């Protein structure tokens, strides 16, 4: 296109912009730093900072896991020696051992009491049968070798295995704790209260009295 001066005007062309994004400088062989970052030893500084950041949480976790007790702090501060702490720990152990031993004894005693109570409830129903066998024996109805004699022996053996034992005999001293006096008989020559006759035999189950013995008491005249 011609202008008035007879010359031609061509449009201006923009030169292409070439950016070298290579990380290694081909001339120096060094690592190039991104634009906008300082050219000093920032990399080493950043690396050290990253290492500190990484180490920080680990150190915090270590401190959290190594919490010292009051006793340990006392030892470190000199208020308590290792020997004193060992003596305190030994005293605590001895106290706990004694408490456990007492608890075990109480448990075993309670278990034995409960067992005796349960067996006592079961044998109470057999005591009237034992009374009938005793009366039949006194009247001669349990002759040796008879069928009733064999049954009586088996029953008495069974209750003895359960721990039921009879007590109360003629001539023994009268004890109001285990005897029930149904009659007092003045007797010449007697200097102390004595069982003159056993009306009902008493029975014990271990340390428990299932039924007291009912007796006639001979007292001094």
N, C-alpha and C. Protein backbone atom coordinates (compact mmCIF):
# COMPACT_ATOMS: atom_id res chain seq x y z
N UNK A 1 0.85 -1.19 0.00
CA UNK A 1 0.00 0.00 0.00
C UNK A 1 0.89 1.24 0.00
N UNK A 2 0.55 2.30 -0.86
CA UNK A 2 1.39 3.48 -1.05
C UNK A 2 0.83 4.61 -0.27
N UNK A 3 1.65 5.39 0.35
CA UNK A 3 1.18 6.59 1.02
C UNK A 3 1.34 7.76 0.08
N UNK A 4 1.03 8.94 0.61
CA UNK A 4 1.09 10.12 -0.25
C UNK A 4 2.50 10.44 -0.68
N UNK A 5 3.48 10.07 0.08
CA UNK A 5 4.89 10.34 -0.26
C UNK A 5 5.44 9.33 -1.23
N UNK A 6 4.63 8.38 -1.62
CA UNK A 6 5.07 7.42 -2.60
C UNK A 6 5.77 6.25 -2.01
N UNK A 7 5.89 6.23 -0.69
CA UNK A 7 6.54 5.07 -0.05
C UNK A 7 5.55 4.00 0.34
N UNK A 8 5.99 2.80 0.66
CA UNK A 8 5.12 1.68 1.11
C UNK A 8 5.32 1.44 2.61
N UNK A 9 4.23 1.18 3.33
CA UNK A 9 4.28 0.93 4.81
C UNK A 9 3.85 -0.48 5.10
N UNK A 10 4.74 -1.24 5.68
CA UNK A 10 4.43 -2.64 6.02
C UNK A 10 4.15 -2.75 7.53
N UNK A 11 3.28 -3.63 7.95
CA UNK A 11 2.99 -3.79 9.40
C UNK A 11 4.20 -4.34 10.15
N UNK A 12 4.39 -3.79 11.38
CA UNK A 12 5.51 -4.24 12.23
C UNK A 12 5.24 -5.63 12.77
N UNK A 13 6.23 -6.47 12.78
CA UNK A 13 6.12 -7.83 13.29
C UNK A 13 6.77 -7.92 14.67
N UNK A 14 6.06 -8.59 15.63
CA UNK A 14 6.60 -8.77 16.98
C UNK A 14 7.59 -9.93 17.01
N UNK A 15 8.71 -9.68 17.68
CA UNK A 15 9.72 -10.72 17.79
C UNK A 15 9.27 -11.77 18.81
N UNK A 16 9.46 -13.07 18.53
CA UNK A 16 9.06 -14.12 19.51
C UNK A 16 9.93 -14.07 20.76
N UNK A 17 9.29 -14.30 21.92
CA UNK A 17 10.01 -14.31 23.21
C UNK A 17 10.34 -15.75 23.54
N UNK A 18 11.59 -16.01 23.75
CA UNK A 18 12.06 -17.38 24.06
C UNK A 18 12.50 -17.41 25.51
N UNK A 19 11.91 -18.28 26.29
CA UNK A 19 12.27 -18.44 27.70
C UNK A 19 12.99 -19.77 27.90
N UNK A 20 14.13 -19.70 28.48
CA UNK A 20 14.92 -20.89 28.75
C UNK A 20 14.51 -21.45 30.12
N UNK A 21 13.75 -22.52 30.11
CA UNK A 21 13.27 -23.13 31.36
C UNK A 21 14.15 -24.28 31.82
N UNK A 22 15.30 -24.41 31.28
CA UNK A 22 16.19 -25.47 31.71
C UNK A 22 16.70 -25.18 33.13
N UNK A 23 16.66 -26.19 33.98
CA UNK A 23 17.08 -26.04 35.36
C UNK A 23 18.60 -25.98 35.51
N UNK A 24 19.32 -26.52 34.54
CA UNK A 24 20.79 -26.51 34.56
C UNK A 24 21.28 -25.49 33.55
N UNK A 25 22.10 -24.59 34.03
CA UNK A 25 22.67 -23.60 33.13
C UNK A 25 23.67 -24.31 32.23
N UNK A 26 23.47 -24.28 30.87
CA UNK A 26 24.40 -25.00 29.98
C UNK A 26 25.78 -24.40 29.98
N UNK A 27 25.95 -23.15 30.36
CA UNK A 27 27.26 -22.53 30.33
C UNK A 27 28.04 -22.81 31.61
N UNK A 28 27.35 -22.65 32.78
CA UNK A 28 28.07 -22.83 34.06
C UNK A 28 27.90 -24.23 34.65
N UNK A 29 26.84 -24.92 34.23
CA UNK A 29 26.61 -26.26 34.79
C UNK A 29 26.00 -26.24 36.18
N UNK A 30 25.56 -25.10 36.70
CA UNK A 30 24.97 -24.98 38.02
C UNK A 30 23.46 -25.01 37.93
N UNK A 31 22.88 -25.28 39.05
CA UNK A 31 21.42 -25.31 39.12
C UNK A 31 20.91 -23.90 39.13
N UNK A 32 19.97 -23.63 38.25
CA UNK A 32 19.40 -22.30 38.20
C UNK A 32 18.33 -22.14 39.30
N UNK A 33 18.23 -20.98 39.87
CA UNK A 33 17.21 -20.66 40.85
C UNK A 33 16.00 -20.09 40.14
N UNK A 34 14.81 -20.42 40.57
CA UNK A 34 13.62 -19.85 39.95
C UNK A 34 13.65 -18.35 40.08
N UNK A 35 12.95 -17.69 39.16
CA UNK A 35 12.88 -16.24 39.18
C UNK A 35 12.21 -15.75 40.44
N UNK A 36 12.76 -14.74 41.03
CA UNK A 36 12.16 -14.16 42.24
C UNK A 36 12.74 -14.69 43.51
N UNK A 37 13.63 -15.69 43.47
CA UNK A 37 14.26 -16.24 44.66
C UNK A 37 15.70 -15.79 44.74
N UNK A 38 16.21 -15.57 45.97
CA UNK A 38 17.60 -15.11 46.09
C UNK A 38 18.58 -16.18 45.65
N UNK A 39 19.75 -15.73 45.24
CA UNK A 39 20.77 -16.61 44.70
C UNK A 39 21.79 -17.05 45.74
N UNK A 40 21.46 -16.85 47.03
CA UNK A 40 22.42 -17.25 48.05
C UNK A 40 22.18 -18.68 48.47
N UNK A 41 22.65 -19.05 49.63
CA UNK A 41 22.52 -20.44 50.12
C UNK A 41 21.17 -20.65 50.75
N UNK A 42 20.15 -20.24 50.01
CA UNK A 42 18.79 -20.40 50.56
C UNK A 42 18.39 -21.84 50.63
N UNK A 43 18.91 -22.68 49.68
CA UNK A 43 18.51 -24.08 49.67
C UNK A 43 18.93 -24.79 50.92
N UNK A 44 20.19 -24.53 51.32
CA UNK A 44 20.64 -25.16 52.54
C UNK A 44 19.86 -24.65 53.73
N UNK A 45 19.56 -23.33 53.70
CA UNK A 45 18.78 -22.77 54.80
C UNK A 45 17.39 -23.39 54.87
N UNK A 46 16.76 -23.56 53.68
CA UNK A 46 15.43 -24.17 53.65
C UNK A 46 15.50 -25.62 54.11
N UNK A 47 16.55 -26.31 53.71
CA UNK A 47 16.68 -27.71 54.10
C UNK A 47 16.83 -27.84 55.60
N UNK A 48 17.62 -26.98 56.19
CA UNK A 48 17.78 -27.03 57.64
C UNK A 48 16.47 -26.72 58.32
N UNK A 49 15.73 -25.78 57.75
CA UNK A 49 14.43 -25.44 58.34
C UNK A 49 13.46 -26.61 58.26
N UNK A 50 13.46 -27.32 57.12
CA UNK A 50 12.59 -28.48 56.97
C UNK A 50 12.98 -29.57 57.96
N UNK A 51 14.28 -29.75 58.13
CA UNK A 51 14.71 -30.76 59.10
C UNK A 51 14.24 -30.41 60.49
N UNK A 52 14.32 -29.13 60.85
CA UNK A 52 13.84 -28.72 62.17
C UNK A 52 12.35 -28.93 62.30
N UNK A 53 11.62 -28.64 61.23
CA UNK A 53 10.16 -28.84 61.28
C UNK A 53 9.82 -30.31 61.43
N UNK A 54 10.60 -31.18 60.73
CA UNK A 54 10.33 -32.61 60.84
C UNK A 54 10.71 -33.14 62.21
N UNK A 55 11.75 -32.61 62.79
CA UNK A 55 12.23 -33.12 64.07
C UNK A 55 11.34 -32.65 65.21
N UNK A 56 10.72 -31.48 65.03
CA UNK A 56 9.92 -30.92 66.13
C UNK A 56 8.84 -31.84 66.65
N UNK A 57 7.93 -32.35 65.82
CA UNK A 57 6.88 -33.25 66.33
C UNK A 57 7.42 -34.50 66.97
N UNK A 58 8.52 -35.06 66.44
CA UNK A 58 9.10 -36.26 67.04
C UNK A 58 9.57 -35.98 68.45
N UNK A 59 10.20 -34.79 68.62
CA UNK A 59 10.66 -34.45 69.95
C UNK A 59 9.48 -34.26 70.90
N UNK A 60 8.41 -33.65 70.38
CA UNK A 60 7.22 -33.47 71.23
C UNK A 60 6.63 -34.81 71.63
N UNK A 61 6.56 -35.77 70.68
CA UNK A 61 6.02 -37.10 71.01
C UNK A 61 6.89 -37.79 72.04
N UNK A 62 8.22 -37.61 71.89
CA UNK A 62 9.11 -38.25 72.86
C UNK A 62 8.89 -37.69 74.24
N UNK A 63 8.72 -36.35 74.31
CA UNK A 63 8.50 -35.75 75.62
C UNK A 63 7.18 -36.19 76.21
N UNK A 64 6.13 -36.34 75.37
CA UNK A 64 4.83 -36.80 75.87
C UNK A 64 4.91 -38.22 76.39
N UNK A 65 5.71 -39.08 75.75
CA UNK A 65 5.80 -40.47 76.18
C UNK A 65 6.64 -40.67 77.41
N UNK A 66 7.53 -39.70 77.72
CA UNK A 66 8.44 -39.84 78.85
C UNK A 66 8.02 -38.95 80.01
N UNK A 67 6.72 -39.00 80.36
CA UNK A 67 6.23 -38.20 81.48
C UNK A 67 6.70 -38.82 82.78
N UNK A 68 7.31 -38.05 83.64
CA UNK A 68 7.83 -38.54 84.91
C UNK A 68 6.78 -38.45 85.99
N UNK A 69 6.78 -39.42 86.88
CA UNK A 69 5.85 -39.41 88.01
C UNK A 69 6.37 -38.48 89.09
N UNK A 70 5.52 -38.27 90.10
CA UNK A 70 5.92 -37.41 91.22
C UNK A 70 7.10 -38.00 91.98
N UNK A 71 7.11 -39.32 92.12
CA UNK A 71 8.22 -39.97 92.81
C UNK A 71 9.53 -39.79 92.05
N UNK A 72 9.45 -39.91 90.71
CA UNK A 72 10.66 -39.72 89.90
C UNK A 72 11.16 -38.29 90.02
N UNK A 73 10.22 -37.34 90.03
CA UNK A 73 10.62 -35.94 90.18
C UNK A 73 11.25 -35.69 91.54
N UNK A 74 10.72 -36.35 92.58
CA UNK A 74 11.31 -36.19 93.91
C UNK A 74 12.73 -36.72 93.95
N UNK A 75 12.97 -37.85 93.27
CA UNK A 75 14.32 -38.41 93.24
C UNK A 75 15.27 -37.47 92.50
N UNK A 76 14.79 -36.94 91.37
CA UNK A 76 15.64 -36.04 90.60
C UNK A 76 15.94 -34.76 91.37
N UNK A 77 14.98 -34.30 92.15
CA UNK A 77 15.19 -33.08 92.92
C UNK A 77 15.95 -33.32 94.21
N UNK A 78 16.17 -34.60 94.58
CA UNK A 78 16.92 -34.90 95.78
C UNK A 78 16.09 -35.00 97.03
N UNK A 79 14.74 -34.86 96.92
CA UNK A 79 13.89 -34.94 98.11
C UNK A 79 13.69 -36.38 98.58
N UNK A 80 13.78 -37.33 97.66
CA UNK A 80 13.58 -38.74 98.00
C UNK A 80 14.72 -39.55 97.39
N UNK A 81 15.25 -40.47 98.17
CA UNK A 81 16.30 -41.34 97.67
C UNK A 81 15.70 -42.61 97.09
N UNK A 82 16.51 -43.32 96.33
CA UNK A 82 16.04 -44.57 95.72
C UNK A 82 15.70 -45.60 96.80
N UNK A 83 16.46 -45.63 97.90
CA UNK A 83 16.18 -46.58 98.98
C UNK A 83 14.84 -46.28 99.64
N UNK A 84 14.53 -45.00 99.84
CA UNK A 84 13.24 -44.65 100.43
C UNK A 84 12.09 -45.03 99.51
N UNK A 85 12.26 -44.78 98.21
CA UNK A 85 11.22 -45.15 97.27
C UNK A 85 11.02 -46.66 97.22
N UNK A 86 12.13 -47.43 97.27
CA UNK A 86 12.02 -48.89 97.28
C UNK A 86 11.31 -49.37 98.54
N UNK A 87 11.59 -48.74 99.68
CA UNK A 87 10.92 -49.12 100.93
C UNK A 87 9.44 -48.82 100.87
N UNK A 88 9.06 -47.70 100.27
CA UNK A 88 7.64 -47.37 100.13
C UNK A 88 6.93 -48.37 99.21
N UNK A 89 7.59 -48.72 98.12
CA UNK A 89 6.99 -49.70 97.20
C UNK A 89 6.84 -51.06 97.89
N UNK A 90 7.82 -51.45 98.69
CA UNK A 90 7.74 -52.72 99.42
C UNK A 90 6.61 -52.69 100.43
N UNK A 91 6.44 -51.57 101.11
CA UNK A 91 5.34 -51.45 102.09
C UNK A 91 3.99 -51.52 101.39
N UNK A 92 3.88 -50.89 100.23
CA UNK A 92 2.63 -50.96 99.47
C UNK A 92 2.34 -52.40 99.04
N UNK A 93 3.36 -53.10 98.58
CA UNK A 93 3.18 -54.49 98.16
C UNK A 93 2.77 -55.37 99.32
N UNK A 94 3.40 -55.19 100.49
CA UNK A 94 3.04 -55.98 101.66
C UNK A 94 1.61 -55.69 102.11
N UNK A 95 1.19 -54.44 102.03
CA UNK A 95 -0.17 -54.10 102.42
C UNK A 95 -1.19 -54.73 101.49
N UNK A 96 -0.92 -54.67 100.18
CA UNK A 96 -1.83 -55.28 99.21
C UNK A 96 -1.89 -56.79 99.40
N UNK A 97 -0.73 -57.42 99.67
CA UNK A 97 -0.70 -58.87 99.90
C UNK A 97 -1.50 -59.25 101.14
N UNK A 98 -1.36 -58.47 102.21
CA UNK A 98 -2.11 -58.75 103.44
C UNK A 98 -3.62 -58.57 103.21
N UNK A 99 -3.99 -57.54 102.46
CA UNK A 99 -5.41 -57.32 102.19
C UNK A 99 -5.99 -58.47 101.37
N UNK A 100 -5.22 -58.96 100.39
CA UNK A 100 -5.70 -60.08 99.59
C UNK A 100 -5.82 -61.35 100.42
N UNK A 101 -4.85 -61.58 101.33
CA UNK A 101 -4.91 -62.77 102.20
C UNK A 101 -6.14 -62.70 103.11
N UNK A 102 -6.43 -61.53 103.68
CA UNK A 102 -7.61 -61.39 104.52
C UNK A 102 -8.89 -61.59 103.72
N UNK A 103 -8.92 -61.04 102.52
CA UNK A 103 -10.10 -61.21 101.66
C UNK A 103 -10.31 -62.68 101.32
N UNK A 104 -9.24 -63.40 101.06
CA UNK A 104 -9.35 -64.82 100.74
C UNK A 104 -9.86 -65.61 101.93
N UNK A 105 -9.36 -65.27 103.14
CA UNK A 105 -9.83 -65.97 104.34
C UNK A 105 -11.31 -65.72 104.57
N UNK A 106 -11.73 -64.46 104.43
CA UNK A 106 -13.15 -64.15 104.62
C UNK A 106 -14.01 -64.87 103.59
N UNK A 107 -13.54 -64.93 102.36
CA UNK A 107 -14.31 -65.60 101.31
C UNK A 107 -14.46 -67.09 101.61
N UNK A 108 -13.36 -67.73 102.02
CA UNK A 108 -13.43 -69.15 102.34
C UNK A 108 -14.31 -69.41 103.56
N UNK A 109 -14.23 -68.53 104.57
CA UNK A 109 -15.09 -68.70 105.75
C UNK A 109 -16.56 -68.54 105.39
N UNK A 110 -16.86 -67.54 104.58
CA UNK A 110 -18.25 -67.34 104.17
C UNK A 110 -18.75 -68.50 103.33
N UNK A 111 -17.87 -69.03 102.48
CA UNK A 111 -18.27 -70.17 101.66
C UNK A 111 -18.58 -71.39 102.53
N UNK A 112 -17.77 -71.61 103.56
CA UNK A 112 -18.01 -72.74 104.46
C UNK A 112 -19.31 -72.55 105.24
N UNK A 113 -19.57 -71.33 105.67
CA UNK A 113 -20.82 -71.06 106.40
C UNK A 113 -22.03 -71.31 105.50
N UNK A 114 -21.95 -70.84 104.26
CA UNK A 114 -23.06 -71.05 103.33
C UNK A 114 -23.26 -72.54 103.04
N UNK A 115 -22.16 -73.28 102.94
CA UNK A 115 -22.28 -74.72 102.69
C UNK A 115 -22.96 -75.41 103.87
N UNK A 116 -22.52 -75.06 105.09
CA UNK A 116 -23.13 -75.66 106.27
C UNK A 116 -24.60 -75.30 106.37
N UNK A 117 -24.94 -74.08 105.99
CA UNK A 117 -26.34 -73.67 106.05
C UNK A 117 -27.19 -74.44 105.06
N UNK A 118 -26.65 -74.63 103.85
CA UNK A 118 -27.40 -75.37 102.83
C UNK A 118 -27.58 -76.83 103.24
N UNK A 119 -26.50 -77.45 103.74
CA UNK A 119 -26.61 -78.85 104.18
C UNK A 119 -27.52 -78.95 105.39
N UNK A 120 -27.46 -77.95 106.29
CA UNK A 120 -28.32 -77.98 107.47
C UNK A 120 -29.79 -77.96 107.10
N UNK A 121 -30.13 -77.13 106.09
CA UNK A 121 -31.53 -77.10 105.65
C UNK A 121 -31.97 -78.45 105.09
N UNK A 122 -31.01 -79.15 104.46
CA UNK A 122 -31.37 -80.45 103.87
C UNK A 122 -31.52 -81.54 104.94
N UNK A 123 -30.66 -81.53 105.96
CA UNK A 123 -30.69 -82.62 106.95
C UNK A 123 -31.74 -82.38 108.04
N UNK A 124 -32.27 -81.14 108.13
CA UNK A 124 -33.29 -80.90 109.16
C UNK A 124 -34.51 -81.79 108.95
N UNK A 125 -34.81 -82.08 107.69
CA UNK A 125 -35.94 -82.97 107.42
C UNK A 125 -35.67 -84.42 107.78
N UNK A 126 -34.40 -84.78 107.95
CA UNK A 126 -34.05 -86.16 108.30
C UNK A 126 -33.96 -86.38 109.81
N UNK A 127 -33.88 -85.28 110.58
CA UNK A 127 -33.73 -85.44 112.03
C UNK A 127 -34.92 -86.16 112.66
N UNK A 128 -36.17 -85.84 112.30
CA UNK A 128 -37.29 -86.61 112.88
C UNK A 128 -37.20 -88.10 112.57
N UNK A 129 -36.69 -88.45 111.38
CA UNK A 129 -36.53 -89.86 111.03
C UNK A 129 -35.48 -90.50 111.93
N UNK A 130 -34.39 -89.77 112.21
CA UNK A 130 -33.36 -90.29 113.11
C UNK A 130 -33.91 -90.47 114.53
N UNK A 131 -34.81 -89.56 114.96
CA UNK A 131 -35.44 -89.71 116.27
C UNK A 131 -36.30 -90.98 116.34
N UNK A 132 -37.04 -91.25 115.27
CA UNK A 132 -37.86 -92.47 115.25
C UNK A 132 -36.99 -93.72 115.28
N UNK A 133 -35.87 -93.69 114.57
CA UNK A 133 -34.97 -94.85 114.59
C UNK A 133 -34.38 -95.05 115.98
N UNK A 134 -34.07 -93.94 116.67
CA UNK A 134 -33.51 -94.05 118.01
C UNK A 134 -34.53 -94.63 118.99
N UNK A 135 -35.78 -94.20 118.89
CA UNK A 135 -36.83 -94.75 119.79
C UNK A 135 -37.07 -96.22 119.48
N UNK A 136 -37.06 -96.56 118.17
CA UNK A 136 -37.26 -97.97 117.81
C UNK A 136 -36.12 -98.83 118.32
N UNK A 137 -34.92 -98.28 118.31
CA UNK A 137 -33.77 -99.04 118.82
C UNK A 137 -33.88 -99.25 120.32
N UNK A 138 -34.36 -98.23 121.07
CA UNK A 138 -34.52 -98.37 122.51
C UNK A 138 -35.59 -99.40 122.86
N UNK A 139 -36.60 -99.52 122.01
CA UNK A 139 -37.66 -100.49 122.26
C UNK A 139 -37.34 -101.86 121.69
N UNK A 140 -36.18 -102.02 121.10
CA UNK A 140 -35.78 -103.33 120.59
C UNK A 140 -36.36 -103.68 119.25
N UNK A 141 -36.86 -102.67 118.51
CA UNK A 141 -37.45 -102.97 117.21
C UNK A 141 -36.42 -103.06 116.09
N UNK A 142 -35.18 -102.69 116.39
CA UNK A 142 -34.12 -102.76 115.38
C UNK A 142 -33.15 -103.87 115.78
N UNK A 143 -33.63 -105.06 115.69
CA UNK A 143 -32.79 -106.20 116.03
C UNK A 143 -31.66 -106.36 115.03
N UNK A 144 -30.57 -106.93 115.51
CA UNK A 144 -29.41 -107.10 114.64
C UNK A 144 -29.73 -108.06 113.52
N UNK A 145 -29.43 -107.65 112.28
CA UNK A 145 -29.67 -108.48 111.11
C UNK A 145 -31.03 -108.27 110.48
N UNK A 146 -31.88 -107.43 111.08
CA UNK A 146 -33.20 -107.19 110.52
C UNK A 146 -33.10 -106.17 109.38
N UNK A 147 -34.18 -106.11 108.59
CA UNK A 147 -34.19 -105.18 107.46
C UNK A 147 -34.16 -103.73 107.93
N UNK A 148 -34.92 -103.43 109.01
CA UNK A 148 -34.94 -102.07 109.53
C UNK A 148 -33.58 -101.66 110.10
N UNK A 149 -32.87 -102.60 110.67
CA UNK A 149 -31.54 -102.31 111.22
C UNK A 149 -30.59 -101.91 110.10
N UNK A 150 -30.66 -102.60 108.97
CA UNK A 150 -29.79 -102.27 107.84
C UNK A 150 -30.11 -100.90 107.26
N UNK A 151 -31.42 -100.57 107.17
CA UNK A 151 -31.82 -99.26 106.65
C UNK A 151 -31.37 -98.15 107.60
N UNK A 152 -31.51 -98.38 108.91
CA UNK A 152 -31.10 -97.38 109.90
C UNK A 152 -29.59 -97.12 109.82
N UNK A 153 -28.82 -98.17 109.63
CA UNK A 153 -27.37 -98.01 109.54
C UNK A 153 -26.98 -97.21 108.30
N UNK A 154 -27.62 -97.48 107.18
CA UNK A 154 -27.31 -96.75 105.95
C UNK A 154 -27.68 -95.27 106.09
N UNK A 155 -28.82 -94.99 106.70
CA UNK A 155 -29.25 -93.60 106.86
C UNK A 155 -28.30 -92.83 107.78
N UNK A 156 -27.91 -93.46 108.87
CA UNK A 156 -27.00 -92.79 109.79
C UNK A 156 -25.63 -92.55 109.15
N UNK A 157 -25.19 -93.49 108.35
CA UNK A 157 -23.91 -93.31 107.65
C UNK A 157 -23.99 -92.16 106.65
N UNK A 158 -25.13 -92.06 105.98
CA UNK A 158 -25.28 -90.99 104.97
C UNK A 158 -25.26 -89.61 105.62
N UNK A 159 -25.94 -89.43 106.74
CA UNK A 159 -25.96 -88.11 107.38
C UNK A 159 -24.60 -87.79 108.03
N UNK A 160 -23.90 -88.82 108.48
CA UNK A 160 -22.56 -88.57 109.03
C UNK A 160 -21.60 -88.10 107.95
N UNK A 161 -21.76 -88.59 106.73
CA UNK A 161 -20.92 -88.13 105.63
C UNK A 161 -21.20 -86.68 105.29
N UNK A 162 -22.42 -86.25 105.52
CA UNK A 162 -22.75 -84.85 105.30
C UNK A 162 -22.20 -83.95 106.39
N UNK A 163 -21.69 -84.55 107.46
CA UNK A 163 -21.12 -83.76 108.55
C UNK A 163 -22.03 -83.61 109.75
N UNK A 164 -23.17 -84.26 109.75
CA UNK A 164 -24.10 -84.16 110.87
C UNK A 164 -23.66 -85.14 111.97
N UNK A 165 -23.39 -84.62 113.16
CA UNK A 165 -22.94 -85.45 114.27
C UNK A 165 -23.86 -85.27 115.47
N UNK A 166 -24.26 -86.37 116.12
CA UNK A 166 -25.12 -86.26 117.31
C UNK A 166 -24.29 -85.93 118.55
N UNK A 167 -24.93 -85.34 119.54
CA UNK A 167 -24.28 -85.07 120.82
C UNK A 167 -25.35 -85.09 121.90
N UNK A 168 -24.86 -85.23 123.12
CA UNK A 168 -25.74 -85.32 124.28
C UNK A 168 -25.74 -86.72 124.85
N UNK A 169 -25.09 -86.89 126.02
CA UNK A 169 -25.02 -88.20 126.66
C UNK A 169 -25.33 -88.07 128.15
N UNK A 170 -25.84 -89.12 128.67
CA UNK A 170 -26.14 -89.15 130.10
C UNK A 170 -24.85 -89.07 130.91
N UNK A 171 -24.84 -88.22 131.96
CA UNK A 171 -23.69 -88.10 132.84
C UNK A 171 -22.75 -86.95 132.50
N UNK A 172 -22.92 -86.30 131.35
CA UNK A 172 -22.03 -85.18 131.02
C UNK A 172 -22.50 -83.90 131.70
N UNK A 173 -21.63 -82.96 131.96
CA UNK A 173 -22.03 -81.72 132.62
C UNK A 173 -23.08 -80.96 131.81
N UNK A 174 -24.01 -80.36 132.49
CA UNK A 174 -25.05 -79.60 131.82
C UNK A 174 -24.48 -78.25 131.36
N UNK A 175 -24.73 -77.91 130.10
CA UNK A 175 -24.27 -76.65 129.52
C UNK A 175 -25.49 -75.98 128.88
N UNK A 176 -25.94 -74.87 129.44
CA UNK A 176 -27.13 -74.22 128.88
C UNK A 176 -26.93 -73.71 127.46
N UNK A 177 -25.67 -73.63 126.99
CA UNK A 177 -25.41 -73.18 125.62
C UNK A 177 -25.77 -74.25 124.59
N UNK A 178 -25.66 -75.52 124.99
CA UNK A 178 -25.91 -76.60 124.03
C UNK A 178 -27.01 -77.56 124.51
N UNK A 179 -27.46 -77.40 125.76
CA UNK A 179 -28.51 -78.26 126.30
C UNK A 179 -29.75 -77.42 126.62
N UNK A 180 -30.89 -78.05 126.44
CA UNK A 180 -32.15 -77.44 126.84
C UNK A 180 -32.76 -78.30 127.95
N UNK A 181 -32.85 -77.71 129.14
CA UNK A 181 -33.37 -78.45 130.30
C UNK A 181 -34.89 -78.43 130.28
N UNK A 182 -35.49 -79.60 130.15
CA UNK A 182 -36.96 -79.67 130.18
C UNK A 182 -37.48 -80.06 131.57
N UNK A 183 -36.55 -80.49 132.44
CA UNK A 183 -36.94 -80.86 133.80
C UNK A 183 -35.69 -80.90 134.67
N UNK A 184 -35.84 -80.41 135.91
CA UNK A 184 -34.73 -80.46 136.87
C UNK A 184 -35.09 -81.44 137.98
N UNK A 185 -34.21 -82.34 138.24
CA UNK A 185 -34.44 -83.40 139.21
C UNK A 185 -33.42 -83.32 140.34
N UNK A 186 -33.85 -82.90 141.55
CA UNK A 186 -32.90 -82.89 142.68
C UNK A 186 -32.42 -84.31 142.97
N UNK A 187 -31.12 -84.45 143.05
CA UNK A 187 -30.54 -85.77 143.21
C UNK A 187 -29.49 -85.71 144.32
N UNK A 188 -29.62 -86.58 145.35
CA UNK A 188 -28.60 -86.61 146.41
C UNK A 188 -27.26 -87.03 145.85
N UNK A 189 -26.21 -86.41 146.37
CA UNK A 189 -24.85 -86.75 145.96
C UNK A 189 -24.37 -86.00 144.73
N UNK A 190 -25.24 -85.24 144.11
CA UNK A 190 -24.84 -84.47 142.92
C UNK A 190 -24.35 -83.10 143.37
N UNK A 191 -23.17 -82.74 142.98
CA UNK A 191 -22.59 -81.44 143.38
C UNK A 191 -22.69 -80.38 142.28
N UNK A 192 -22.94 -80.79 141.04
CA UNK A 192 -23.06 -79.85 139.92
C UNK A 192 -24.16 -80.34 138.99
N UNK A 193 -24.70 -79.42 138.23
CA UNK A 193 -25.77 -79.79 137.29
C UNK A 193 -25.23 -80.79 136.27
N UNK A 194 -25.96 -81.93 136.19
CA UNK A 194 -25.51 -83.01 135.32
C UNK A 194 -26.68 -83.53 134.51
N UNK A 195 -26.38 -83.98 133.26
CA UNK A 195 -27.42 -84.55 132.41
C UNK A 195 -27.81 -85.92 132.98
N UNK A 196 -29.07 -86.03 133.41
CA UNK A 196 -29.54 -87.29 133.96
C UNK A 196 -30.14 -88.18 132.89
N UNK A 197 -30.73 -87.55 131.87
CA UNK A 197 -31.37 -88.33 130.80
C UNK A 197 -31.48 -87.45 129.56
N UNK A 198 -31.29 -88.07 128.39
CA UNK A 198 -31.38 -87.35 127.12
C UNK A 198 -32.74 -87.68 126.51
N UNK A 199 -33.58 -86.68 126.41
CA UNK A 199 -34.91 -86.86 125.81
C UNK A 199 -34.82 -86.79 124.29
N UNK A 200 -34.12 -85.81 123.76
CA UNK A 200 -33.89 -85.68 122.31
C UNK A 200 -32.41 -85.40 122.08
N UNK A 201 -31.84 -86.20 121.21
CA UNK A 201 -30.42 -86.03 120.90
C UNK A 201 -30.20 -84.72 120.15
N UNK A 202 -29.13 -84.03 120.50
CA UNK A 202 -28.75 -82.81 119.76
C UNK A 202 -27.89 -83.15 118.56
N UNK A 203 -27.89 -82.25 117.59
CA UNK A 203 -27.12 -82.48 116.37
C UNK A 203 -26.35 -81.21 116.00
N UNK A 204 -25.11 -81.42 115.56
CA UNK A 204 -24.25 -80.34 115.08
C UNK A 204 -23.87 -80.60 113.63
N UNK A 205 -23.67 -79.51 112.93
CA UNK A 205 -23.17 -79.59 111.55
C UNK A 205 -21.96 -78.65 111.47
N UNK A 206 -20.78 -79.22 111.63
CA UNK A 206 -19.59 -78.40 111.69
C UNK A 206 -19.59 -77.59 112.98
N UNK A 207 -19.52 -76.29 112.86
CA UNK A 207 -19.57 -75.41 114.02
C UNK A 207 -20.98 -74.90 114.31
N UNK A 208 -21.96 -75.34 113.55
CA UNK A 208 -23.34 -74.88 113.71
C UNK A 208 -24.16 -75.93 114.43
N UNK A 209 -24.91 -75.47 115.42
CA UNK A 209 -25.81 -76.37 116.14
C UNK A 209 -27.15 -76.40 115.41
N UNK A 210 -27.48 -77.55 114.85
CA UNK A 210 -28.73 -77.69 114.10
C UNK A 210 -29.91 -77.82 115.06
N UNK A 211 -29.71 -78.58 116.14
CA UNK A 211 -30.75 -78.74 117.17
C UNK A 211 -30.09 -79.00 118.51
N UNK A 212 -30.51 -78.25 119.52
CA UNK A 212 -29.94 -78.46 120.85
C UNK A 212 -30.51 -79.74 121.45
N UNK A 213 -29.74 -80.31 122.36
CA UNK A 213 -30.18 -81.55 123.03
C UNK A 213 -31.15 -81.20 124.17
N UNK A 214 -32.27 -81.89 124.19
CA UNK A 214 -33.23 -81.72 125.27
C UNK A 214 -32.97 -82.80 126.33
N UNK A 215 -32.75 -82.33 127.57
CA UNK A 215 -32.28 -83.25 128.61
C UNK A 215 -33.03 -82.99 129.92
N UNK A 216 -32.93 -84.03 130.80
CA UNK A 216 -33.37 -83.90 132.19
C UNK A 216 -32.10 -83.65 133.01
N UNK A 217 -32.15 -82.63 133.85
CA UNK A 217 -30.97 -82.21 134.59
C UNK A 217 -31.07 -82.65 136.04
N UNK A 218 -30.00 -83.30 136.48
CA UNK A 218 -29.89 -83.67 137.90
C UNK A 218 -29.17 -82.54 138.61
N UNK A 219 -29.84 -81.93 139.58
CA UNK A 219 -29.28 -80.82 140.33
C UNK A 219 -29.04 -81.25 141.77
N UNK A 220 -28.15 -80.53 142.48
CA UNK A 220 -27.91 -80.90 143.90
C UNK A 220 -29.20 -80.81 144.72
N UNK A 221 -29.39 -81.75 145.63
CA UNK A 221 -30.60 -81.81 146.43
C UNK A 221 -30.58 -80.65 147.42
